[in-house]
Structure formats: C-alpha cells, structure tokens
N, C-alpha and C. Protein backbone atom coordinates (compact mmCIF):
# COMPACT_ATOMS: atom_id res chain seq x y z
N MET A 1 49.87 4.39 -32.90
CA MET A 1 50.12 4.13 -31.49
C MET A 1 48.81 3.86 -30.75
N ASP A 2 48.87 2.96 -29.79
CA ASP A 2 47.71 2.69 -28.97
C ASP A 2 47.42 3.89 -28.06
N PRO A 3 46.14 4.15 -27.78
CA PRO A 3 45.81 5.25 -26.87
C PRO A 3 46.32 4.94 -25.47
N PRO A 4 46.58 5.98 -24.66
CA PRO A 4 46.99 5.74 -23.26
C PRO A 4 45.96 4.88 -22.55
N LEU A 5 46.42 4.18 -21.52
CA LEU A 5 45.57 3.23 -20.80
C LEU A 5 44.30 3.89 -20.28
N HIS A 6 44.41 5.08 -19.68
CA HIS A 6 43.22 5.70 -19.09
C HIS A 6 42.18 6.04 -20.15
N GLU A 7 42.65 6.41 -21.37
CA GLU A 7 41.71 6.70 -22.46
C GLU A 7 41.04 5.43 -22.94
N ARG A 8 41.83 4.37 -23.06
CA ARG A 8 41.28 3.08 -23.51
C ARG A 8 40.24 2.56 -22.53
N VAL A 9 40.53 2.67 -21.23
CA VAL A 9 39.60 2.18 -20.23
C VAL A 9 38.33 3.02 -20.24
N TYR A 10 38.49 4.34 -20.34
CA TYR A 10 37.30 5.21 -20.40
C TYR A 10 36.41 4.85 -21.60
N GLU A 11 37.02 4.72 -22.77
CA GLU A 11 36.24 4.38 -23.97
C GLU A 11 35.60 3.01 -23.82
N GLY A 12 36.32 2.08 -23.21
CA GLY A 12 35.77 0.74 -23.03
C GLY A 12 34.58 0.72 -22.10
N ILE A 13 34.65 1.47 -21.01
CA ILE A 13 33.53 1.51 -20.07
C ILE A 13 32.36 2.26 -20.68
N LYS A 14 32.63 3.28 -21.48
CA LYS A 14 31.54 3.98 -22.18
C LYS A 14 30.84 3.01 -23.14
N GLU A 15 31.61 2.17 -23.82
CA GLU A 15 31.02 1.15 -24.70
C GLU A 15 30.17 0.17 -23.89
N ASP A 16 30.66 -0.22 -22.72
CA ASP A 16 29.88 -1.11 -21.84
C ASP A 16 28.54 -0.44 -21.49
N TYR A 17 28.61 0.83 -21.17
CA TYR A 17 27.41 1.59 -20.79
C TYR A 17 26.40 1.58 -21.94
N LEU A 18 26.85 1.90 -23.15
CA LEU A 18 25.95 1.97 -24.29
C LEU A 18 25.46 0.60 -24.73
N ALA A 19 26.22 -0.43 -24.40
CA ALA A 19 25.81 -1.80 -24.73
C ALA A 19 24.80 -2.36 -23.73
N GLY A 20 24.47 -1.57 -22.71
CA GLY A 20 23.48 -2.00 -21.73
C GLY A 20 23.99 -3.03 -20.75
N HIS A 21 25.31 -3.05 -20.51
CA HIS A 21 25.88 -4.06 -19.61
C HIS A 21 25.58 -3.81 -18.14
N PHE A 22 25.23 -2.59 -17.80
CA PHE A 22 25.01 -2.26 -16.39
C PHE A 22 23.52 -2.32 -16.05
N VAL A 23 23.24 -2.54 -14.78
CA VAL A 23 21.86 -2.56 -14.28
C VAL A 23 21.65 -1.29 -13.46
N PRO A 24 20.78 -0.40 -13.89
CA PRO A 24 20.55 0.83 -13.12
C PRO A 24 20.22 0.54 -11.66
N GLY A 25 20.87 1.29 -10.77
CA GLY A 25 20.65 1.12 -9.34
C GLY A 25 21.51 0.06 -8.69
N LYS A 26 22.21 -0.76 -9.49
CA LYS A 26 23.05 -1.83 -8.94
C LYS A 26 24.51 -1.39 -8.93
N ARG A 27 25.16 -1.63 -7.83
CA ARG A 27 26.57 -1.24 -7.67
C ARG A 27 27.44 -1.92 -8.73
N ILE A 28 28.30 -1.14 -9.36
CA ILE A 28 29.21 -1.65 -10.38
C ILE A 28 30.49 -2.14 -9.69
N ASP A 29 30.89 -3.35 -10.01
CA ASP A 29 32.09 -3.93 -9.41
C ASP A 29 33.33 -3.41 -10.14
N ILE A 30 34.13 -2.60 -9.44
CA ILE A 30 35.32 -2.01 -10.04
C ILE A 30 36.32 -3.07 -10.47
N GLN A 31 36.48 -4.10 -9.65
CA GLN A 31 37.43 -5.16 -9.99
C GLN A 31 37.00 -5.89 -11.25
N ASP A 32 35.71 -6.14 -11.40
CA ASP A 32 35.23 -6.79 -12.62
C ASP A 32 35.57 -5.96 -13.86
N LEU A 33 35.37 -4.64 -13.75
CA LEU A 33 35.69 -3.77 -14.87
C LEU A 33 37.19 -3.75 -15.15
N ALA A 34 37.98 -3.75 -14.08
CA ALA A 34 39.43 -3.75 -14.26
C ALA A 34 39.88 -5.01 -14.98
N THR A 35 39.30 -6.14 -14.58
CA THR A 35 39.64 -7.41 -15.25
C THR A 35 39.18 -7.39 -16.70
N ARG A 36 37.99 -6.90 -16.91
CA ARG A 36 37.42 -6.87 -18.26
C ARG A 36 38.26 -6.02 -19.21
N HIS A 37 38.77 -4.91 -18.68
CA HIS A 37 39.51 -3.97 -19.54
C HIS A 37 41.02 -4.05 -19.34
N ARG A 38 41.45 -5.14 -18.70
CA ARG A 38 42.87 -5.44 -18.57
C ARG A 38 43.66 -4.26 -17.99
N SER A 39 43.20 -3.82 -16.84
CA SER A 39 43.87 -2.70 -16.19
C SER A 39 43.81 -2.88 -14.67
N SER A 40 44.43 -1.97 -13.94
CA SER A 40 44.28 -1.94 -12.50
C SER A 40 43.00 -1.18 -12.16
N LYS A 41 42.68 -1.11 -10.87
CA LYS A 41 41.47 -0.41 -10.46
C LYS A 41 41.57 1.09 -10.64
N THR A 42 42.78 1.64 -10.57
CA THR A 42 42.94 3.10 -10.62
C THR A 42 42.42 3.70 -11.92
N PRO A 43 42.81 3.19 -13.12
CA PRO A 43 42.25 3.77 -14.34
C PRO A 43 40.73 3.60 -14.44
N VAL A 44 40.21 2.51 -13.87
CA VAL A 44 38.76 2.30 -13.88
C VAL A 44 38.07 3.36 -13.04
N ARG A 45 38.61 3.62 -11.86
CA ARG A 45 38.03 4.66 -11.00
C ARG A 45 38.12 6.03 -11.67
N GLU A 46 39.25 6.32 -12.31
CA GLU A 46 39.41 7.61 -12.99
C GLU A 46 38.36 7.76 -14.10
N ALA A 47 38.15 6.68 -14.85
CA ALA A 47 37.15 6.71 -15.92
C ALA A 47 35.75 6.87 -15.35
N ALA A 48 35.49 6.18 -14.23
CA ALA A 48 34.17 6.27 -13.59
C ALA A 48 33.89 7.69 -13.12
N PHE A 49 34.92 8.37 -12.59
CA PHE A 49 34.73 9.76 -12.14
C PHE A 49 34.39 10.67 -13.32
N ILE A 50 35.00 10.42 -14.47
CA ILE A 50 34.66 11.19 -15.67
C ILE A 50 33.20 10.96 -16.05
N LEU A 51 32.77 9.70 -15.98
CA LEU A 51 31.38 9.37 -16.33
C LEU A 51 30.40 9.95 -15.31
N VAL A 52 30.83 10.09 -14.05
CA VAL A 52 30.00 10.78 -13.07
C VAL A 52 29.82 12.24 -13.49
N GLY A 53 30.91 12.86 -13.93
CA GLY A 53 30.83 14.24 -14.40
C GLY A 53 29.93 14.41 -15.61
N GLU A 54 29.82 13.36 -16.42
CA GLU A 54 28.95 13.39 -17.60
C GLU A 54 27.51 13.06 -17.26
N GLY A 55 27.24 12.69 -16.01
CA GLY A 55 25.88 12.37 -15.59
C GLY A 55 25.46 10.96 -15.92
N LEU A 56 26.41 10.11 -16.33
CA LEU A 56 26.07 8.74 -16.72
C LEU A 56 26.16 7.78 -15.53
N LEU A 57 27.03 8.08 -14.60
CA LEU A 57 27.16 7.28 -13.37
C LEU A 57 26.98 8.21 -12.17
N THR A 58 26.74 7.61 -11.03
CA THR A 58 26.70 8.35 -9.77
C THR A 58 27.36 7.49 -8.70
N HIS A 59 27.59 8.07 -7.55
CA HIS A 59 28.25 7.34 -6.47
C HIS A 59 27.26 6.43 -5.73
N HIS A 60 27.70 5.24 -5.41
CA HIS A 60 26.90 4.30 -4.63
C HIS A 60 27.10 4.59 -3.15
N SER A 61 26.04 4.43 -2.37
CA SER A 61 26.10 4.74 -0.93
C SER A 61 27.12 3.87 -0.19
N ASP A 62 27.39 2.67 -0.72
CA ASP A 62 28.35 1.76 -0.10
C ASP A 62 29.75 1.88 -0.71
N GLY A 63 29.95 2.94 -1.49
CA GLY A 63 31.21 3.08 -2.21
C GLY A 63 31.06 2.56 -3.63
N GLY A 64 31.92 3.01 -4.52
CA GLY A 64 31.81 2.58 -5.91
C GLY A 64 30.85 3.45 -6.68
N PHE A 65 30.31 2.88 -7.76
CA PHE A 65 29.50 3.65 -8.69
C PHE A 65 28.30 2.84 -9.17
N LEU A 66 27.34 3.54 -9.76
CA LEU A 66 26.18 2.87 -10.36
C LEU A 66 25.56 3.77 -11.43
N VAL A 67 24.78 3.16 -12.30
CA VAL A 67 23.96 3.92 -13.26
C VAL A 67 22.73 4.40 -12.50
N PRO A 68 22.47 5.71 -12.49
CA PRO A 68 21.35 6.21 -11.70
C PRO A 68 20.00 5.83 -12.29
N ILE A 69 19.01 5.72 -11.42
CA ILE A 69 17.62 5.56 -11.85
C ILE A 69 16.96 6.93 -11.68
N PHE A 70 16.59 7.55 -12.78
CA PHE A 70 16.00 8.88 -12.70
C PHE A 70 14.57 8.83 -12.20
N GLU A 71 14.24 9.76 -11.34
CA GLU A 71 12.85 9.94 -10.94
C GLU A 71 12.06 10.49 -12.13
N PRO A 72 10.74 10.23 -12.18
CA PRO A 72 9.94 10.73 -13.32
C PRO A 72 10.10 12.22 -13.58
N ALA A 73 10.15 13.03 -12.51
CA ALA A 73 10.29 14.47 -12.70
C ALA A 73 11.62 14.81 -13.37
N GLU A 74 12.69 14.08 -13.03
CA GLU A 74 13.99 14.31 -13.66
C GLU A 74 13.95 13.92 -15.13
N LEU A 75 13.29 12.80 -15.43
CA LEU A 75 13.18 12.36 -16.82
C LEU A 75 12.39 13.36 -17.64
N ILE A 76 11.33 13.91 -17.07
CA ILE A 76 10.53 14.91 -17.78
C ILE A 76 11.40 16.12 -18.15
N GLU A 77 12.24 16.55 -17.21
CA GLU A 77 13.11 17.68 -17.49
C GLU A 77 14.11 17.36 -18.59
N LEU A 78 14.70 16.17 -18.53
CA LEU A 78 15.66 15.76 -19.57
C LEU A 78 14.99 15.65 -20.93
N LEU A 79 13.79 15.05 -20.96
CA LEU A 79 13.06 14.90 -22.22
C LEU A 79 12.66 16.25 -22.79
N ALA A 80 12.22 17.16 -21.92
CA ALA A 80 11.81 18.49 -22.40
C ALA A 80 13.01 19.24 -22.96
N LEU A 81 14.15 19.14 -22.29
CA LEU A 81 15.36 19.81 -22.78
C LEU A 81 15.81 19.21 -24.11
N HIS A 82 15.78 17.89 -24.19
CA HIS A 82 16.17 17.22 -25.45
C HIS A 82 15.24 17.63 -26.58
N MET A 83 13.95 17.70 -26.30
CA MET A 83 12.98 18.11 -27.32
C MET A 83 13.26 19.53 -27.80
N GLN A 84 13.55 20.43 -26.88
CA GLN A 84 13.84 21.81 -27.24
C GLN A 84 15.10 21.91 -28.09
N MET A 85 16.12 21.16 -27.71
CA MET A 85 17.37 21.20 -28.46
C MET A 85 17.21 20.61 -29.86
N MET A 86 16.40 19.55 -29.96
CA MET A 86 16.17 18.97 -31.28
C MET A 86 15.34 19.91 -32.16
N ALA A 87 14.41 20.65 -31.56
CA ALA A 87 13.63 21.62 -32.32
C ALA A 87 14.56 22.70 -32.87
N THR A 88 15.50 23.15 -32.05
CA THR A 88 16.48 24.15 -32.50
C THR A 88 17.37 23.58 -33.61
N THR A 89 17.77 22.34 -33.43
CA THR A 89 18.60 21.67 -34.44
C THR A 89 17.89 21.61 -35.78
N LEU A 90 16.65 21.17 -35.77
CA LEU A 90 15.90 21.03 -37.02
C LEU A 90 15.68 22.38 -37.70
N SER A 91 15.47 23.43 -36.90
CA SER A 91 15.23 24.76 -37.48
C SER A 91 16.45 25.30 -38.20
N SER A 92 17.64 24.75 -37.89
CA SER A 92 18.86 25.24 -38.51
C SER A 92 19.31 24.37 -39.69
N LEU A 93 18.55 23.33 -40.00
CA LEU A 93 18.92 22.42 -41.08
C LEU A 93 18.00 22.58 -42.30
N ARG A 94 18.60 22.53 -43.46
CA ARG A 94 17.80 22.50 -44.69
C ARG A 94 17.16 21.13 -44.83
N GLU A 95 16.07 21.10 -45.58
CA GLU A 95 15.37 19.83 -45.75
C GLU A 95 16.26 18.78 -46.39
N SER A 96 17.12 19.20 -47.30
CA SER A 96 18.02 18.25 -47.96
C SER A 96 18.98 17.60 -46.96
N ALA A 97 19.42 18.38 -45.95
CA ALA A 97 20.32 17.83 -44.94
C ALA A 97 19.58 16.84 -44.05
N ILE A 98 18.34 17.16 -43.68
CA ILE A 98 17.53 16.25 -42.87
C ILE A 98 17.30 14.95 -43.63
N ARG A 99 16.94 15.09 -44.90
CA ARG A 99 16.68 13.90 -45.73
C ARG A 99 17.93 13.03 -45.82
N GLY A 100 19.08 13.68 -46.01
CA GLY A 100 20.33 12.93 -46.12
C GLY A 100 20.62 12.11 -44.89
N VAL A 101 20.36 12.69 -43.71
CA VAL A 101 20.58 11.96 -42.46
C VAL A 101 19.63 10.78 -42.36
N LEU A 102 18.36 11.01 -42.64
CA LEU A 102 17.37 9.95 -42.47
C LEU A 102 17.59 8.80 -43.45
N LEU A 103 18.02 9.12 -44.66
CA LEU A 103 18.25 8.08 -45.65
C LEU A 103 19.44 7.20 -45.28
N GLN A 104 20.34 7.70 -44.45
CA GLN A 104 21.51 6.92 -44.05
C GLN A 104 21.27 6.13 -42.76
N THR A 105 20.07 6.27 -42.18
CA THR A 105 19.78 5.56 -40.93
C THR A 105 19.61 4.06 -41.21
N PRO A 106 20.40 3.20 -40.59
CA PRO A 106 20.29 1.76 -40.85
C PRO A 106 19.02 1.18 -40.24
N THR A 107 18.53 0.13 -40.83
CA THR A 107 17.37 -0.56 -40.27
C THR A 107 17.83 -1.57 -39.21
N LEU A 108 16.93 -1.91 -38.31
CA LEU A 108 17.27 -2.78 -37.18
C LEU A 108 16.91 -4.24 -37.39
N GLY A 109 16.06 -4.52 -38.35
CA GLY A 109 15.64 -5.90 -38.52
C GLY A 109 14.34 -6.19 -37.79
N PRO A 110 13.79 -7.38 -37.97
CA PRO A 110 12.46 -7.70 -37.43
C PRO A 110 12.39 -7.85 -35.92
N ARG A 111 13.47 -8.23 -35.26
CA ARG A 111 13.44 -8.47 -33.82
C ARG A 111 14.60 -7.75 -33.12
N PRO A 112 14.52 -6.43 -33.06
CA PRO A 112 15.62 -5.68 -32.43
C PRO A 112 15.59 -5.81 -30.91
N SER A 113 16.73 -5.70 -30.29
CA SER A 113 16.80 -5.69 -28.83
C SER A 113 16.47 -4.29 -28.32
N ALA A 114 16.15 -4.20 -27.04
CA ALA A 114 15.86 -2.89 -26.44
C ALA A 114 17.09 -1.99 -26.52
N VAL A 115 18.29 -2.57 -26.37
CA VAL A 115 19.52 -1.78 -26.46
C VAL A 115 19.71 -1.26 -27.87
N ALA A 116 19.42 -2.09 -28.86
CA ALA A 116 19.56 -1.66 -30.25
C ALA A 116 18.61 -0.51 -30.57
N VAL A 117 17.40 -0.56 -30.04
CA VAL A 117 16.43 0.51 -30.26
C VAL A 117 16.93 1.81 -29.61
N ALA A 118 17.45 1.70 -28.39
CA ALA A 118 17.97 2.89 -27.70
C ALA A 118 19.14 3.49 -28.46
N ASN A 119 20.04 2.64 -28.97
CA ASN A 119 21.16 3.14 -29.76
C ASN A 119 20.71 3.73 -31.09
N GLN A 120 19.64 3.18 -31.65
CA GLN A 120 19.10 3.73 -32.89
C GLN A 120 18.58 5.14 -32.65
N ALA A 121 17.89 5.35 -31.55
CA ALA A 121 17.38 6.69 -31.23
C ALA A 121 18.54 7.68 -31.09
N THR A 122 19.57 7.27 -30.35
CA THR A 122 20.74 8.13 -30.20
C THR A 122 21.37 8.44 -31.55
N GLY A 123 21.47 7.42 -32.40
CA GLY A 123 22.07 7.63 -33.72
C GLY A 123 21.31 8.64 -34.56
N ILE A 124 19.99 8.57 -34.53
CA ILE A 124 19.18 9.50 -35.32
C ILE A 124 19.37 10.94 -34.84
N PHE A 125 19.21 11.13 -33.52
CA PHE A 125 19.29 12.49 -32.98
C PHE A 125 20.71 13.04 -33.08
N ALA A 126 21.71 12.21 -32.81
CA ALA A 126 23.09 12.66 -32.87
C ALA A 126 23.49 13.02 -34.31
N SER A 127 23.03 12.25 -35.28
CA SER A 127 23.36 12.53 -36.68
C SER A 127 22.74 13.83 -37.15
N LEU A 128 21.52 14.11 -36.71
CA LEU A 128 20.90 15.38 -37.05
C LEU A 128 21.70 16.54 -36.46
N ALA A 129 22.14 16.38 -35.22
CA ALA A 129 22.93 17.43 -34.58
C ALA A 129 24.26 17.64 -35.32
N GLU A 130 24.90 16.54 -35.70
CA GLU A 130 26.17 16.64 -36.41
C GLU A 130 26.02 17.31 -37.77
N ALA A 131 24.84 17.17 -38.37
CA ALA A 131 24.60 17.79 -39.67
C ALA A 131 24.60 19.31 -39.60
N THR A 132 24.42 19.87 -38.40
CA THR A 132 24.47 21.33 -38.24
C THR A 132 25.90 21.84 -38.30
N ARG A 133 26.87 20.94 -38.11
CA ARG A 133 28.30 21.28 -38.07
C ARG A 133 28.62 22.23 -36.92
N ASN A 134 27.78 22.19 -35.91
CA ASN A 134 28.03 22.94 -34.67
C ASN A 134 28.52 21.93 -33.65
N HIS A 135 29.83 21.93 -33.43
CA HIS A 135 30.44 20.90 -32.59
C HIS A 135 29.89 20.93 -31.17
N GLN A 136 29.71 22.11 -30.61
CA GLN A 136 29.22 22.21 -29.24
C GLN A 136 27.79 21.70 -29.11
N ALA A 137 26.95 22.02 -30.09
CA ALA A 137 25.58 21.51 -30.07
C ALA A 137 25.57 19.99 -30.17
N SER A 138 26.45 19.45 -31.00
CA SER A 138 26.54 18.00 -31.14
C SER A 138 26.93 17.33 -29.82
N LEU A 139 27.89 17.94 -29.12
CA LEU A 139 28.32 17.38 -27.84
C LEU A 139 27.19 17.41 -26.81
N LEU A 140 26.45 18.51 -26.77
CA LEU A 140 25.35 18.63 -25.81
C LEU A 140 24.26 17.60 -26.08
N ILE A 141 23.89 17.46 -27.35
CA ILE A 141 22.82 16.52 -27.70
C ILE A 141 23.26 15.09 -27.49
N ARG A 142 24.50 14.78 -27.83
CA ARG A 142 24.99 13.41 -27.60
C ARG A 142 25.01 13.12 -26.10
N GLY A 143 25.42 14.09 -25.29
CA GLY A 143 25.43 13.88 -23.84
C GLY A 143 24.05 13.63 -23.29
N LEU A 144 23.06 14.38 -23.78
CA LEU A 144 21.69 14.16 -23.33
C LEU A 144 21.19 12.78 -23.75
N ASN A 145 21.51 12.38 -24.97
CA ASN A 145 21.11 11.05 -25.43
C ASN A 145 21.70 9.96 -24.55
N GLU A 146 22.97 10.13 -24.17
CA GLU A 146 23.60 9.12 -23.33
C GLU A 146 22.97 9.07 -21.95
N ARG A 147 22.58 10.21 -21.40
CA ARG A 147 21.92 10.21 -20.09
C ARG A 147 20.54 9.56 -20.17
N LEU A 148 19.89 9.66 -21.31
CA LEU A 148 18.57 9.06 -21.48
C LEU A 148 18.63 7.60 -21.90
N HIS A 149 19.83 7.09 -22.13
CA HIS A 149 20.00 5.77 -22.75
C HIS A 149 19.31 4.65 -21.98
N TYR A 150 19.54 4.57 -20.68
CA TYR A 150 18.96 3.46 -19.92
C TYR A 150 17.46 3.63 -19.72
N ALA A 151 16.99 4.87 -19.71
CA ALA A 151 15.54 5.09 -19.66
C ALA A 151 14.90 4.59 -20.95
N ARG A 152 15.56 4.79 -22.08
CA ARG A 152 15.04 4.31 -23.36
C ARG A 152 15.05 2.78 -23.42
N ILE A 153 16.10 2.18 -22.86
CA ILE A 153 16.13 0.72 -22.81
C ILE A 153 14.95 0.19 -21.99
N ALA A 154 14.71 0.82 -20.84
CA ALA A 154 13.61 0.39 -19.97
C ALA A 154 12.26 0.57 -20.64
N GLU A 155 12.11 1.63 -21.44
CA GLU A 155 10.84 1.91 -22.12
C GLU A 155 10.55 0.91 -23.23
N ALA A 156 11.61 0.36 -23.82
CA ALA A 156 11.44 -0.52 -24.99
C ALA A 156 11.10 -1.93 -24.54
N VAL A 157 10.03 -2.07 -23.75
CA VAL A 157 9.62 -3.39 -23.28
C VAL A 157 9.14 -4.24 -24.46
N GLU A 158 8.66 -3.59 -25.50
CA GLU A 158 8.32 -4.26 -26.75
C GLU A 158 9.18 -3.63 -27.84
N PRO A 159 10.42 -4.10 -28.01
CA PRO A 159 11.35 -3.47 -28.93
C PRO A 159 10.82 -3.27 -30.35
N ALA A 160 10.03 -4.23 -30.84
CA ALA A 160 9.49 -4.09 -32.20
C ALA A 160 8.58 -2.87 -32.31
N MET A 161 7.78 -2.63 -31.27
CA MET A 161 6.91 -1.45 -31.26
C MET A 161 7.74 -0.17 -31.20
N ALA A 162 8.78 -0.18 -30.36
CA ALA A 162 9.65 0.98 -30.24
C ALA A 162 10.38 1.25 -31.55
N GLU A 163 10.76 0.18 -32.24
CA GLU A 163 11.45 0.33 -33.53
C GLU A 163 10.52 0.95 -34.55
N LYS A 164 9.23 0.58 -34.52
CA LYS A 164 8.27 1.16 -35.45
C LYS A 164 8.11 2.66 -35.20
N GLU A 165 8.18 3.06 -33.92
CA GLU A 165 8.09 4.48 -33.58
C GLU A 165 9.25 5.24 -34.22
N LEU A 166 10.45 4.67 -34.15
CA LEU A 166 11.60 5.31 -34.77
C LEU A 166 11.51 5.27 -36.29
N ALA A 167 10.96 4.18 -36.82
CA ALA A 167 10.80 4.08 -38.28
C ALA A 167 9.88 5.18 -38.79
N THR A 168 8.89 5.55 -38.00
CA THR A 168 8.00 6.65 -38.38
C THR A 168 8.76 7.96 -38.44
N ILE A 169 9.67 8.16 -37.49
CA ILE A 169 10.46 9.40 -37.46
C ILE A 169 11.32 9.53 -38.70
N VAL A 170 11.92 8.44 -39.16
CA VAL A 170 12.87 8.52 -40.27
C VAL A 170 12.23 8.36 -41.64
N ASP A 171 10.91 8.23 -41.69
CA ASP A 171 10.21 8.09 -42.98
C ASP A 171 10.34 9.40 -43.78
N THR A 172 10.90 9.32 -44.95
CA THR A 172 11.10 10.51 -45.79
C THR A 172 10.01 10.70 -46.83
N ASN A 173 9.03 9.82 -46.85
CA ASN A 173 8.00 9.86 -47.89
C ASN A 173 6.87 10.81 -47.49
N VAL A 174 7.21 12.09 -47.36
CA VAL A 174 6.22 13.13 -47.01
C VAL A 174 6.50 14.36 -47.86
N ALA A 175 5.50 15.22 -47.96
CA ALA A 175 5.62 16.42 -48.82
C ALA A 175 6.59 17.43 -48.22
N SER A 176 6.43 17.74 -46.94
CA SER A 176 7.29 18.72 -46.28
C SER A 176 8.01 18.02 -45.13
N LEU A 177 9.22 17.56 -45.40
CA LEU A 177 9.93 16.75 -44.43
C LEU A 177 10.32 17.57 -43.19
N SER A 178 10.72 18.80 -43.37
CA SER A 178 11.13 19.63 -42.23
C SER A 178 9.99 19.79 -41.22
N LYS A 179 8.81 20.14 -41.72
CA LYS A 179 7.66 20.30 -40.83
C LYS A 179 7.26 18.97 -40.21
N ALA A 180 7.28 17.92 -41.02
CA ALA A 180 6.91 16.60 -40.51
C ALA A 180 7.86 16.15 -39.41
N MET A 181 9.15 16.41 -39.57
CA MET A 181 10.13 16.00 -38.57
C MET A 181 9.91 16.74 -37.26
N ARG A 182 9.61 18.02 -37.34
CA ARG A 182 9.36 18.78 -36.11
C ARG A 182 8.16 18.22 -35.37
N ARG A 183 7.10 17.89 -36.11
CA ARG A 183 5.89 17.32 -35.48
C ARG A 183 6.19 15.95 -34.90
N ARG A 184 6.91 15.13 -35.64
CA ARG A 184 7.19 13.76 -35.19
C ARG A 184 8.05 13.76 -33.93
N ILE A 185 9.09 14.57 -33.93
CA ILE A 185 9.99 14.57 -32.78
C ILE A 185 9.31 15.17 -31.56
N GLU A 186 8.47 16.17 -31.77
CA GLU A 186 7.71 16.71 -30.64
C GLU A 186 6.76 15.65 -30.09
N ALA A 187 6.06 14.96 -30.98
CA ALA A 187 5.12 13.92 -30.55
C ALA A 187 5.85 12.78 -29.84
N TYR A 188 7.03 12.41 -30.34
CA TYR A 188 7.85 11.36 -29.73
C TYR A 188 8.16 11.70 -28.27
N HIS A 189 8.59 12.93 -28.04
CA HIS A 189 8.93 13.34 -26.68
C HIS A 189 7.70 13.52 -25.80
N MET A 190 6.64 14.08 -26.36
CA MET A 190 5.45 14.34 -25.56
C MET A 190 4.80 13.05 -25.09
N ARG A 191 4.87 11.99 -25.89
CA ARG A 191 4.35 10.69 -25.46
C ARG A 191 5.12 10.18 -24.24
N LYS A 192 6.42 10.36 -24.27
CA LYS A 192 7.25 9.89 -23.17
C LYS A 192 7.07 10.76 -21.93
N ILE A 193 6.91 12.05 -22.13
CA ILE A 193 6.65 12.95 -21.00
C ILE A 193 5.30 12.62 -20.37
N ALA A 194 4.29 12.36 -21.20
CA ALA A 194 2.96 12.01 -20.68
C ALA A 194 3.02 10.72 -19.87
N HIS A 195 3.83 9.77 -20.33
CA HIS A 195 3.97 8.50 -19.59
C HIS A 195 4.57 8.75 -18.20
N GLN A 196 5.56 9.60 -18.12
CA GLN A 196 6.17 9.91 -16.83
C GLN A 196 5.21 10.68 -15.93
N GLN A 197 4.40 11.54 -16.53
CA GLN A 197 3.40 12.28 -15.75
C GLN A 197 2.37 11.33 -15.15
N LYS A 198 2.00 10.30 -15.88
CA LYS A 198 1.07 9.30 -15.35
C LYS A 198 1.68 8.56 -14.17
N ILE A 199 2.98 8.28 -14.25
CA ILE A 199 3.66 7.61 -13.14
C ILE A 199 3.64 8.49 -11.90
N ILE A 200 3.86 9.79 -12.09
CA ILE A 200 3.83 10.73 -10.96
C ILE A 200 2.43 10.77 -10.34
N GLN A 201 1.41 10.76 -11.19
CA GLN A 201 0.02 10.79 -10.70
C GLN A 201 -0.29 9.54 -9.89
N LYS A 202 0.17 8.38 -10.36
CA LYS A 202 -0.05 7.13 -9.64
C LYS A 202 0.66 7.15 -8.28
N GLN A 203 1.89 7.68 -8.29
CA GLN A 203 2.66 7.75 -7.05
C GLN A 203 1.98 8.65 -6.02
N SER A 204 1.43 9.77 -6.50
CA SER A 204 0.80 10.73 -5.59
C SER A 204 -0.53 10.23 -5.04
N SER A 205 -1.21 9.35 -5.80
CA SER A 205 -2.50 8.84 -5.37
C SER A 205 -2.40 7.57 -4.53
N SER A 206 -1.22 6.97 -4.48
CA SER A 206 -1.07 5.72 -3.72
C SER A 206 -0.65 5.99 -2.28
C-alpha cells in the first residue's frame, strides 16, 4: 500500500531538503511544493511544521517557511555537540565495526557536487551511529547531521577538496583505526569550529 499523503509529502520535502533544493534564508513557496508533490497546501504546511520541529526549517517573517542561516556561534555549538556525540559513538564501537562501516562508504568520483559531499559526510557519521545499534543515538546524530547539512554545502566551495577531507576520514590503512578515527573526526570538527571563530572575530572587528 502507498503511504498516506501526509507521510509521502513529508518524505518528499525532506528529500528536497537533502538534495539542496532550497536556498537558506529564502522564503519557500508552499504552492510550488504542493504542485511538486501533487498535493494541496495543507499536507505541505503540516510537513513543514514537522521540519520546523526538527530544526530544519523556521518560520519566515512574511509567512511561510525557510531554511535558517545559522549564526557562527550557533554553528560552533552544533559542531561541538556533533563532535562530542561522535566521540561517544566511536568509544562504543569495536575497531572491526568501524572498519566495516568505512569499507562500505561509496566513493564520490573526481568532480563531486557540494551537495554530494554534504550527503557523504552525513552517510559516514550516520552509519557509524547505526553500527552502535542504539536507535536513539542514531536518531540524534542523524538529526544533527541534517541540521548541519546546508552549512556543509556552503563550506564545500571546492567540493574536490572537501571530498579529500572525507576520504582521509574513511582511510582504513592505519595501524590503530579506532584511535585514528577519533583524531580525524576531532580534527575535522575543530577545523570547522576555528573557521567560524575567525568569522566571529572579523565581525567583531568591523
């Protein structure tokens, strides 16, 4: 049986979100979404309210919804929380489980898009969380990844460089993979946190 209309519309809009179809800060046209997903405006609004609850959308001042643009301080908090949760995740996994996840990570090819790089990051972190078999932890980490999704797209101004950063994370050719993964993931987050701190410094000095 086909899923109920409201579920189908919700899943469809979530796919739009992850595909990078929205522009952060720009009002989302409800009618366009209704047409796209072959529904009336009501199921679209219901789905949008769910996404607001998940932190993926927010209300537009003129009515409707939009993908929020996080301030640097907000991004730092999200990145720090994600880093802490991934550290906890890795500490609960055996090296064989970590290796199994990394070996199953697909490659992106020579010219990946910024969206593909962002989805690759989500895939790596979400798969590690799922390997713990802790459903609640998996939900929390996936939710954080989704909230960081558009920030990751914006950061990947040179997708090939961003892809290389992820390729370093999934490299299994090391003596102690568990320790290496903890260092890599910490370094990955700290680089992004440092970048946001520089933005704050520039804003305060201007």
